[in-house]
Structure formats: structure tokens, C-alpha cells
Amino acid sequence: MTQGSTKTAIVTGAASGIGLSTAKALRAAGYRVFGTSRKSVPAAGGGISMLVCDVTEDASVTEMVETVFGETGHIDLLVNNAGFGISGPAEETSIAQAQAMFDVNLFGVIRTTRAVLPLMRAQKGGRIINVSSVQGFIPAPYMALYGASKHAVEGYSESLDHEVRSQGIRIVLVEPAFTRTAFDRNLVRSDTPLDVYETERAGRNRFLADVMMTADAPEVVAKVIVSAATTATPKRRYTAGSKARQVSLLRRFVPASAFDKAFRREMRLPPIA
């Protein structure tokens, strides 16, 4: 990349929500932005180029990265945002359903990362931001498989950051809490429901409906992503929003038994002894 040239960013899952807000915020910050979606969508406008990319397919990821690199000659930033959640008790989720989610939430991140790393290494620099969740470092009752996928993304990201830092590349995590997007409406329901969980499932649905009324706007997360992308020396992880910061602090400094009791109360779960 020549000195002073416009930086290039790829944002996966940019058709709506956090991804679209991030693409717009990066464009406003001066990046040339390529957003991706699994299916063709109308142009995002504002100078954002939209590409079709299925992060579960190696060939689709390779083609997308080659297209961006062919047009710009460099890839400076990758934001791995594509993902979805499964709502329901872990016991109700089939192995096939869990594998399908991990193929997007974890292996999709790995595919796109592997595709851009050789290009970033050749240009002696780059940054990859993986959108995780507070459920990547706290329990996720009734979304255990989603939480497991985000825990996996966190472990992968922290480890990879140590491997590539000497090559001028940084891996950064951004951890939102609940965000006002279509995420909750698009949650996939567990595919093998059991009567024993019916009461808890109804309570969880009410909790989600209530919490989304005061959730952060996606622009809050996008602002943090831009900050993580543009700072000279990024931290390894950034919480996004006041609720995420609060949960992170409680998890780090409150004794486990007290955290569990407060967490169950917040999640409207029955108290424990």
C-alpha cells in the first residue's frame, strides 16, 4: 500500500444491524468498505460496495477476498461480524444444528482470517476485528451453544494475536451486550424441544423481549469497532456499551458465588442455595 492511500476494509454480515452500521462508520472514517452478505442485497449506498459471500464455503470466501484485493491491491482491515444464534436449552439443540452454527460463527471467522493473513503479511501490516459478545466470557443459559461459539472465537483470537503480532498484524475482540438489531428476531429455535423446559423457555422469551427494549443501538458497537480499527496500539478486547462494561467488571472482580447469584437474578432464573 502506498503512503497516504485509502485503507480497505471488509465487513462480513453487513446487510443489516451491527455489520451495516460498522460499514457506514468505517466509510465515514475514510475507509474504502466492502460489505458481504450470504445472499445478494440492495446496495448499501454511501460508497459501500456489497459482495455476496457465504462464510461457510471456502471457494466463496476465496473469491470474495480475491475480488477485493484485485480492485484495491491491499486489505487493511477485516471485521468478522457474520453470525447467528440458537435460542433454547442446550439439551434441545441437535448436533447437526450446533455444527451449522459453529460453521458460521467460528469456522467462518477462521476461513476469512486465513484468506487475508497472507495478504496482510505481504504488506507488513493489517488488523482483524472479531465481533464476539459478552456471552463469550460469561455463561449463556438457553443460548449455551451460541455462547460456546463465542468462547471459541475468543480463544482463537487471543491465541492468533500472539502468533501474528510480530508480522505487524493484530487480532482484536469487540464484545457487545444485547444490541437493537434483528438478531433476537432471527434467533433459530432449538430443533428438539422438550416439555421439561417449557416454563423456562417462556420466561426466556419474555426476558429477551424486555431487554431488547433498552438494548444498545448498533451504532454504539460500530463506534467501538472504528476506534479499535484506527488506534495505533489496540487493546486485545473492547467491550461495547455500558452494560457490557458493567458485566465485564463484575465478572473480573466479583467473587464467583456472588456473581452467580446476581447473574441468575438478572436472567430471571430460579435462585440457587
Protein backbone atom coordinates (compact mmCIF):
# COMPACT_ATOMS: atom_id res chain seq x y z
CA MET A 1 0.00 0.00 0.00
CA THR A 2 1.38 3.39 -0.93
CA GLN A 3 1.80 6.11 1.65
CA GLY A 4 -1.42 8.07 2.19
CA SER A 5 -3.62 5.78 0.11
CA THR A 6 -7.15 4.94 1.24
CA LYS A 7 -7.33 1.93 3.51
CA THR A 8 -9.52 -1.01 2.54
CA ALA A 9 -11.91 -2.75 4.94
CA ILE A 10 -14.04 -5.88 4.63
CA VAL A 11 -17.07 -6.28 6.91
CA THR A 12 -18.84 -9.64 6.87
CA GLY A 13 -22.53 -9.84 7.66
CA ALA A 14 -23.03 -6.24 6.56
CA ALA A 15 -26.58 -6.45 5.22
CA SER A 16 -28.07 -5.07 8.45
CA GLY A 17 -27.52 -4.49 12.15
CA ILE A 18 -24.01 -4.16 13.57
CA GLY A 19 -22.41 -5.05 10.25
CA LEU A 20 -24.20 -2.36 8.26
CA SER A 21 -23.63 0.27 10.96
CA THR A 22 -19.95 -0.68 11.06
CA ALA A 23 -19.60 -0.45 7.29
CA LYS A 24 -21.12 3.05 7.34
CA ALA A 25 -18.94 4.16 10.26
CA LEU A 26 -15.77 2.90 8.60
CA ARG A 27 -16.72 4.64 5.37
CA ALA A 28 -17.21 7.88 7.31
CA ALA A 29 -13.76 7.31 8.87
CA GLY A 30 -12.20 7.26 5.40
CA TYR A 31 -12.00 3.56 4.55
CA ARG A 32 -12.99 2.04 1.26
CA VAL A 33 -15.51 -0.51 2.51
CA PHE A 34 -16.63 -3.83 1.10
CA GLY A 35 -19.55 -5.41 2.93
CA THR A 36 -20.58 -9.01 2.50
CA SER A 37 -23.82 -10.93 2.85
CA ARG A 38 -24.76 -14.54 2.23
CA LYS A 39 -27.36 -13.55 -0.37
CA SER A 40 -27.47 -10.64 -2.77
CA VAL A 41 -28.91 -7.50 -1.16
CA PRO A 42 -29.54 -3.96 -2.45
CA ALA A 43 -26.52 -1.69 -2.44
CA ALA A 44 -25.90 -0.17 0.98
CA GLY A 45 -25.17 3.23 -0.56
CA GLY A 46 -22.77 5.81 0.76
CA GLY A 47 -19.84 4.38 -1.14
CA ILE A 48 -20.10 0.87 0.36
CA SER A 49 -19.64 -1.99 -2.10
CA MET A 50 -21.65 -5.12 -1.30
CA LEU A 51 -20.42 -8.59 -2.26
CA VAL A 52 -22.04 -12.00 -1.92
CA CYS A 53 -20.01 -14.28 0.34
CA ASP A 54 -21.03 -17.42 2.20
CA VAL A 55 -18.51 -17.73 5.01
CA THR A 56 -19.27 -21.46 5.30
CA GLU A 57 -17.79 -22.11 1.84
CA ASP A 58 -14.05 -21.93 1.19
CA ALA A 59 -14.46 -21.07 -2.50
CA SER A 60 -16.89 -18.22 -1.74
CA VAL A 61 -14.52 -16.69 0.81
CA THR A 62 -11.55 -17.01 -1.53
CA GLU A 63 -13.44 -15.40 -4.39
CA MET A 64 -14.57 -12.50 -2.22
CA VAL A 65 -11.07 -11.76 -0.91
CA GLU A 66 -9.57 -12.02 -4.41
CA THR A 67 -12.20 -9.59 -5.72
CA VAL A 68 -11.42 -7.01 -3.04
CA PHE A 69 -7.67 -7.39 -3.42
CA GLY A 70 -7.96 -7.24 -7.21
CA GLU A 71 -9.77 -3.91 -7.02
CA THR A 72 -7.67 -2.26 -4.32
CA GLY A 73 -4.31 -4.04 -4.13
CA HIS A 74 -4.43 -4.26 -0.32
CA ILE A 75 -6.66 -5.33 2.56
CA ASP A 76 -6.00 -3.40 5.75
CA LEU A 77 -8.94 -4.38 7.94
CA LEU A 78 -11.22 -7.40 8.26
CA VAL A 79 -14.24 -7.20 10.55
CA ASN A 80 -15.66 -10.67 11.18
CA ASN A 81 -19.25 -9.92 12.09
CA ALA A 82 -21.31 -12.61 10.33
CA GLY A 83 -23.06 -14.95 12.75
CA PHE A 84 -26.34 -16.18 14.19
CA GLY A 85 -27.69 -17.59 17.43
CA ILE A 86 -29.66 -20.60 18.58
CA SER A 87 -32.15 -19.99 21.38
CA GLY A 88 -33.15 -22.84 23.64
CA PRO A 89 -31.75 -25.21 26.26
CA ALA A 90 -28.55 -26.95 25.20
CA GLU A 91 -30.19 -30.36 25.52
CA GLU A 92 -32.76 -29.38 22.91
CA THR A 93 -30.18 -28.50 20.25
CA SER A 94 -29.17 -31.30 17.89
CA ILE A 95 -25.54 -31.89 16.95
CA ALA A 96 -26.34 -31.03 13.33
CA GLN A 97 -27.89 -27.71 14.35
CA ALA A 98 -24.94 -26.86 16.60
CA GLN A 99 -22.46 -27.75 13.85
CA ALA A 100 -24.26 -25.47 11.38
CA MET A 101 -23.95 -22.54 13.80
CA PHE A 102 -20.28 -23.21 14.55
CA ASP A 103 -19.62 -23.35 10.81
CA VAL A 104 -20.67 -19.69 10.62
CA ASN A 105 -19.72 -18.26 14.00
CA LEU A 106 -16.32 -19.94 14.40
CA PHE A 107 -15.18 -21.59 11.19
CA GLY A 108 -16.46 -18.64 9.15
CA VAL A 109 -14.12 -16.43 11.17
CA ILE A 110 -11.28 -18.88 10.60
CA ARG A 111 -11.92 -19.07 6.84
CA THR A 112 -11.94 -15.34 6.24
CA THR A 113 -8.96 -14.82 8.55
CA ARG A 114 -6.89 -17.47 6.76
CA ALA A 115 -7.78 -15.87 3.43
CA VAL A 116 -6.50 -12.40 4.36
CA LEU A 117 -3.49 -13.26 6.52
CA PRO A 118 -1.06 -13.94 3.63
CA LEU A 119 -2.01 -10.60 2.03
CA MET A 120 -1.60 -8.70 5.29
CA ARG A 121 1.73 -10.40 5.94
CA ALA A 122 3.00 -9.45 2.49
CA GLN A 123 2.09 -5.80 3.05
CA LYS A 124 3.62 -5.98 6.56
CA GLY A 125 0.52 -4.95 8.44
CA GLY A 126 -3.19 -5.32 8.98
CA ARG A 127 -5.89 -5.67 11.59
CA ILE A 128 -8.64 -8.24 12.12
CA ILE A 129 -11.54 -7.42 14.43
CA ASN A 130 -13.71 -10.32 15.54
CA VAL A 131 -17.15 -9.40 16.85
CA SER A 132 -17.68 -11.57 19.90
CA SER A 133 -20.20 -11.00 22.71
CA VAL A 134 -20.37 -10.72 26.47
CA GLN A 135 -21.57 -14.30 26.13
CA GLY A 136 -18.03 -15.08 25.06
CA PHE A 137 -16.85 -14.64 28.66
CA ILE A 138 -19.97 -15.20 30.84
CA PRO A 139 -22.48 -18.06 30.96
CA ALA A 140 -25.21 -18.15 28.32
CA PRO A 141 -28.13 -20.16 29.71
CA TYR A 142 -30.64 -21.07 26.99
CA MET A 143 -28.06 -19.95 24.42
CA ALA A 144 -25.30 -22.31 25.51
CA LEU A 145 -24.21 -23.31 22.01
CA TYR A 146 -24.08 -19.66 20.87
CA GLY A 147 -22.06 -18.85 23.98
CA ALA A 148 -19.75 -21.77 23.26
CA SER A 149 -19.13 -20.49 19.73
CA LYS A 150 -18.22 -17.05 21.08
CA HIS A 151 -15.99 -18.53 23.79
CA ALA A 152 -14.23 -20.38 20.96
CA VAL A 153 -13.82 -17.18 18.94
CA GLU A 154 -12.26 -15.53 21.99
CA GLY A 155 -9.74 -18.32 22.50
CA TYR A 156 -8.86 -18.42 18.80
CA SER A 157 -8.46 -14.64 18.63
CA GLU A 158 -6.25 -14.30 21.70
CA SER A 159 -4.01 -17.14 20.58
CA LEU A 160 -3.74 -15.96 16.99
CA ASP A 161 -2.88 -12.42 18.10
CA HIS A 162 0.29 -13.76 19.72
CA GLU A 163 1.18 -15.70 16.57
CA VAL A 164 0.93 -12.83 14.09
CA ARG A 165 1.82 -9.77 16.13
CA SER A 166 5.45 -9.92 15.04
CA GLN A 167 4.24 -9.72 11.42
CA GLY A 168 2.59 -6.35 12.03
CA ILE A 169 -0.90 -7.85 12.30
CA ARG A 170 -3.22 -7.51 15.29
CA ILE A 171 -6.32 -9.53 16.22
CA VAL A 172 -8.87 -7.63 18.31
CA LEU A 173 -12.10 -8.70 20.02
CA VAL A 174 -15.18 -6.46 20.36
CA GLU A 175 -17.74 -7.67 22.91
CA PRO A 176 -21.23 -6.15 22.77
CA ALA A 177 -24.10 -6.96 25.11
CA PHE A 178 -27.68 -7.04 23.80
CA THR A 179 -27.97 -4.78 20.76
CA ARG A 180 -31.06 -3.46 18.98
CA THR A 181 -30.83 -5.43 15.75
CA ALA A 182 -32.81 -8.21 14.12
CA PHE A 183 -30.61 -10.72 15.97
CA ASP A 184 -33.28 -11.68 18.52
CA ARG A 185 -35.98 -11.97 15.85
CA ASN A 186 -33.69 -14.12 13.72
CA LEU A 187 -32.71 -16.50 16.52
CA VAL A 188 -33.02 -20.10 15.40
CA ARG A 189 -35.08 -22.16 17.84
CA SER A 190 -33.70 -25.43 19.14
CA ASP A 191 -34.86 -28.26 16.91
CA THR A 192 -35.70 -30.92 19.50
CA PRO A 193 -37.92 -29.15 22.12
CA LEU A 194 -38.61 -30.96 25.41
CA ASP A 195 -41.63 -30.38 27.65
CA VAL A 196 -39.44 -30.21 30.77
CA TYR A 197 -38.10 -26.81 29.62
CA GLU A 198 -41.41 -25.25 28.57
CA THR A 199 -41.74 -22.90 31.55
CA GLU A 200 -38.12 -21.75 31.36
CA ARG A 201 -38.40 -21.26 27.60
CA ALA A 202 -41.41 -18.97 28.01
CA GLY A 203 -39.60 -16.98 30.69
CA ARG A 204 -36.51 -16.64 28.49
CA ASN A 205 -38.64 -15.31 25.63
CA ARG A 206 -40.17 -12.69 27.92
CA PHE A 207 -36.73 -11.72 29.20
CA LEU A 208 -35.43 -11.22 25.64
CA ALA A 209 -38.43 -9.10 24.69
CA ASP A 210 -37.95 -6.87 27.72
CA VAL A 211 -34.16 -6.49 27.50
CA MET A 212 -34.23 -5.59 23.81
CA MET A 213 -36.32 -2.50 24.63
CA THR A 214 -33.33 -0.90 26.36
CA ALA A 215 -30.52 -2.55 24.37
CA ASP A 216 -27.73 -0.52 22.76
CA ALA A 217 -28.11 0.76 19.22
CA PRO A 218 -25.82 -0.92 16.67
CA GLU A 219 -24.08 2.41 16.15
CA VAL A 220 -22.69 2.08 19.69
CA VAL A 221 -20.89 -1.11 18.68
CA ALA A 222 -19.81 0.36 15.34
CA LYS A 223 -18.16 3.30 17.11
CA VAL A 224 -16.09 0.92 19.24
CA ILE A 225 -15.09 -1.10 16.17
CA VAL A 226 -13.87 2.04 14.39
CA SER A 227 -11.88 3.01 17.48
CA ALA A 228 -10.32 -0.46 17.66
CA ALA A 229 -9.51 -0.27 13.95
CA THR A 230 -7.89 3.15 13.97
CA THR A 231 -5.96 3.34 17.24
CA ALA A 232 -2.22 2.91 16.82
CA THR A 233 -1.86 0.31 19.59
CA PRO A 234 -5.11 -1.59 20.05
CA LYS A 235 -6.11 -3.48 23.17
CA ARG A 236 -6.80 -7.16 22.77
CA ARG A 237 -10.50 -6.75 23.63
CA TYR A 238 -13.06 -3.96 23.84
CA THR A 239 -16.47 -4.10 25.47
CA ALA A 240 -19.14 -2.16 23.61
CA GLY A 241 -21.77 -0.29 25.60
CA SER A 242 -22.29 0.44 29.28
CA LYS A 243 -23.97 -2.89 30.05
CA ALA A 244 -21.12 -4.86 28.50
CA ARG A 245 -18.57 -2.85 30.51
CA GLN A 246 -20.52 -3.45 33.71
CA VAL A 247 -20.75 -7.20 33.12
CA SER A 248 -17.04 -7.39 32.29
CA LEU A 249 -16.06 -5.64 35.50
CA LEU A 250 -18.38 -7.81 37.60
CA ARG A 251 -17.02 -10.97 36.02
CA ARG A 252 -13.43 -9.94 36.75
CA PHE A 253 -13.74 -8.61 40.30
CA VAL A 254 -16.84 -10.08 41.99
CA PRO A 255 -16.46 -13.47 43.75
CA ALA A 256 -17.87 -16.35 41.70
CA SER A 257 -20.69 -17.19 44.14
CA ALA A 258 -21.87 -13.59 44.30
CA PHE A 259 -21.63 -13.24 40.52
CA ASP A 260 -23.69 -16.39 40.01
CA LYS A 261 -26.45 -15.15 42.31
CA ALA A 262 -26.55 -11.71 40.68
CA PHE A 263 -26.41 -13.26 37.21
CA ARG A 264 -29.32 -15.62 37.88
CA ARG A 265 -31.37 -12.76 39.29
CA GLU A 266 -30.64 -10.63 36.20
CA MET A 267 -31.55 -13.53 33.89
CA ARG A 268 -34.72 -14.27 35.92
CA LEU A 269 -33.58 -17.78 36.74
CA PRO A 270 -34.68 -19.52 39.95
CA PRO A 271 -32.39 -18.67 42.90
CA ILE A 272 -29.80 -21.20 43.99
CA ALA A 273 -28.77 -22.15 47.51
